[in-house]
Protein backbone atom coordinates (compact mmCIF):
# COMPACT_ATOMS: atom_id res chain seq x y z
CA UNK A 1 -28.04 -40.75 -20.88
CA UNK A 2 -27.87 -38.48 -17.88
CA UNK A 3 -24.07 -38.37 -18.10
CA UNK A 4 -24.33 -37.35 -21.78
CA UNK A 5 -26.83 -34.60 -20.89
CA UNK A 6 -24.52 -33.28 -18.18
CA UNK A 7 -21.66 -33.42 -20.70
CA UNK A 8 -23.64 -31.31 -23.18
CA UNK A 9 -24.50 -28.80 -20.46
CA UNK A 10 -20.84 -28.69 -19.44
CA UNK A 11 -19.79 -28.12 -23.04
CA UNK A 12 -22.17 -25.18 -23.37
CA UNK A 13 -21.08 -23.83 -19.97
CA UNK A 14 -17.41 -24.03 -20.93
CA UNK A 15 -18.11 -22.33 -24.27
CA UNK A 16 -19.80 -19.50 -22.38
CA UNK A 17 -16.60 -18.90 -20.39
CA UNK A 18 -14.32 -18.71 -23.44
CA UNK A 19 -13.61 -15.44 -25.22
CA UNK A 20 -14.42 -15.92 -28.94
CA UNK A 21 -11.39 -15.31 -31.16
CA UNK A 22 -12.20 -12.36 -33.47
CA UNK A 23 -10.67 -14.25 -36.43
CA UNK A 24 -13.54 -16.76 -36.23
CA UNK A 25 -11.27 -19.68 -35.28
CA UNK A 26 -8.61 -20.46 -32.70
CA UNK A 27 -10.69 -20.09 -29.53
CA UNK A 28 -9.79 -23.69 -28.59
CA UNK A 29 -6.22 -22.58 -27.85
CA UNK A 30 -7.56 -21.00 -24.62
CA UNK A 31 -8.05 -24.59 -23.43
CA UNK A 32 -4.36 -25.33 -23.87
CA UNK A 33 -4.86 -27.04 -27.22
CA UNK A 34 -2.50 -26.39 -30.13
CA UNK A 35 -3.47 -24.42 -33.26
CA UNK A 36 -4.90 -26.43 -36.15
CA UNK A 37 -2.15 -28.39 -37.92
CA UNK A 38 -4.30 -28.67 -41.08
CA UNK A 39 -4.53 -24.87 -41.30
CA UNK A 40 -0.81 -24.48 -40.64
CA UNK A 41 0.11 -26.90 -43.42
CA UNK A 42 -2.50 -26.06 -46.08
CA UNK A 43 -3.39 -22.46 -45.34
CA UNK A 44 -7.06 -23.53 -45.36
CA UNK A 45 -9.42 -24.02 -42.47
CA UNK A 46 -10.28 -27.64 -41.60
CA UNK A 47 -13.88 -28.87 -41.25
CA UNK A 48 -13.87 -28.16 -37.52
CA UNK A 49 -11.99 -24.84 -37.56
CA UNK A 50 -14.18 -22.29 -35.85
CA UNK A 51 -16.30 -24.86 -34.01
CA UNK A 52 -15.27 -23.75 -30.50
CA UNK A 53 -15.54 -20.12 -31.55
CA UNK A 54 -18.99 -20.81 -32.94
CA UNK A 55 -20.12 -22.31 -29.63
CA UNK A 56 -18.63 -19.35 -27.72
CA UNK A 57 -20.54 -16.87 -29.91
CA UNK A 58 -23.71 -18.98 -29.57
CA UNK A 59 -23.50 -18.74 -25.79
CA UNK A 60 -23.31 -14.96 -26.11
CA UNK A 61 -26.45 -14.92 -28.26
CA UNK A 62 -24.52 -13.82 -31.35
CA UNK A 63 -25.96 -16.30 -33.84
CA UNK A 64 -24.63 -14.26 -36.77
CA UNK A 65 -21.05 -14.49 -35.49
CA UNK A 66 -21.57 -18.16 -34.59
CA UNK A 67 -22.69 -18.88 -38.18
CA UNK A 68 -19.73 -16.98 -39.63
CA UNK A 69 -17.27 -18.92 -37.48
CA UNK A 70 -18.64 -22.33 -38.44
CA UNK A 71 -22.20 -22.96 -39.67
CA UNK A 72 -22.10 -26.57 -38.47
CA UNK A 73 -21.02 -25.34 -35.03
CA UNK A 74 -24.10 -23.13 -34.79
CA UNK A 75 -26.36 -26.01 -35.83
CA UNK A 76 -24.72 -28.34 -33.30
CA UNK A 77 -25.01 -25.72 -30.55
CA UNK A 78 -28.67 -25.14 -31.38
CA UNK A 79 -29.34 -28.88 -31.26
CA UNK A 80 -27.45 -29.33 -27.98
CA UNK A 81 -30.30 -27.82 -25.98
CA UNK A 82 -33.16 -30.07 -27.20
CA UNK A 83 -30.82 -33.07 -27.33
CA UNK A 84 -29.88 -32.48 -23.69
CA UNK A 85 -33.56 -32.23 -22.74
CA UNK A 86 -34.32 -35.46 -24.64
CA UNK A 87 -31.46 -37.23 -22.88
CA UNK A 88 -32.72 -36.14 -19.44
CA UNK A 89 -36.29 -37.15 -20.34
CA UNK A 90 -35.07 -40.52 -21.61
CA UNK A 91 -32.98 -41.05 -18.47
CA UNK A 92 -35.97 -40.30 -16.25
CA UNK A 93 -38.13 -42.77 -18.21
CA UNK A 94 -35.22 -45.24 -18.34
CA UNK A 95 -35.70 -45.72 -22.10
CA UNK A 96 -34.89 -43.68 -25.20
CA UNK A 97 -38.09 -41.70 -25.72
CA UNK A 98 -39.43 -42.31 -29.21
CA UNK A 99 -36.98 -45.12 -30.01
CA UNK A 100 -36.60 -48.79 -29.15
CA UNK A 101 -32.87 -48.50 -28.47
CA UNK A 102 -30.11 -45.89 -28.39
CA UNK A 103 -28.21 -47.50 -31.27
CA UNK A 104 -30.53 -46.14 -33.96
CA UNK A 105 -30.69 -42.48 -32.94
CA UNK A 106 -27.02 -42.31 -31.97
CA UNK A 107 -25.77 -43.77 -35.25
CA UNK A 108 -28.07 -41.47 -37.26
CA UNK A 109 -26.97 -38.49 -35.20
CA UNK A 110 -23.30 -39.31 -35.76
CA UNK A 111 -23.74 -39.72 -39.52
CA UNK A 112 -25.79 -36.52 -39.72
CA UNK A 113 -23.14 -34.58 -37.74
CA UNK A 114 -20.37 -35.77 -40.08
CA UNK A 115 -22.42 -34.92 -43.18
CA UNK A 116 -23.33 -31.46 -41.88
CA UNK A 117 -19.74 -30.71 -40.86
CA UNK A 118 -18.32 -31.77 -44.23
CA UNK A 119 -21.08 -30.01 -46.19
CA UNK A 120 -20.46 -26.75 -44.32
CA UNK A 121 -16.74 -27.13 -44.99
CA UNK A 122 -17.28 -27.74 -48.72
CA UNK A 123 -19.51 -24.69 -48.94
CA UNK A 124 -16.88 -22.66 -47.08
CA UNK A 125 -14.20 -23.82 -49.53
CA UNK A 126 -16.26 -23.07 -52.65
CA UNK A 127 -18.02 -19.86 -51.61
CA UNK A 128 -15.06 -18.31 -49.85
CA UNK A 129 -11.92 -19.46 -51.69
CA UNK A 130 -9.82 -16.67 -50.17
CA UNK A 131 -7.25 -18.07 -47.77
CA UNK A 132 -8.08 -17.03 -44.21
CA UNK A 133 -4.86 -18.58 -42.93
CA UNK A 134 -1.59 -18.41 -44.85
CA UNK A 135 0.61 -21.51 -44.84
CA UNK A 136 3.33 -21.10 -42.25
CA UNK A 137 1.50 -18.31 -40.39
CA UNK A 138 0.84 -20.55 -37.40
CA UNK A 139 3.64 -21.57 -35.02
CA UNK A 140 6.26 -23.93 -36.39
CA UNK A 141 5.69 -26.18 -33.39
CA UNK A 142 2.41 -27.22 -35.00
CA UNK A 143 4.30 -28.39 -38.08
CA UNK A 144 6.84 -30.25 -35.97
CA UNK A 145 4.09 -31.80 -33.87
CA UNK A 146 2.24 -33.05 -36.95
CA UNK A 147 5.43 -34.63 -38.27
CA UNK A 148 5.42 -32.57 -41.47
């Protein structure tokens, strides 16, 4: 539990060092990662597009920009702080505070994260149908890498 808490703190610390991409997505490329293959192929943002940017804006206190980049990212970033505190508290007590085992809260947390991420993506697709990324506007290497 302590390792997970340190991991969350590290994630937030790393996000604070990244410069948020003004487009609202693509900040992850500063970590040496490739642009989103889904966006390159479809011209649409994937469910996690903007997540790193959202965290970077969150760490700068710009909740409005964080929400615009990826609403699920803002919610995850907001929950990272109390989750980290709970993990430390549970590690100190040597038991998951409020639960009999870690299996229950972790499985619920994982399912909730997937549901929130997909729901935010569906809202993004229906409310904002305008393409933010045109097919082929990202490097061709992404297409070659994805095998398409």
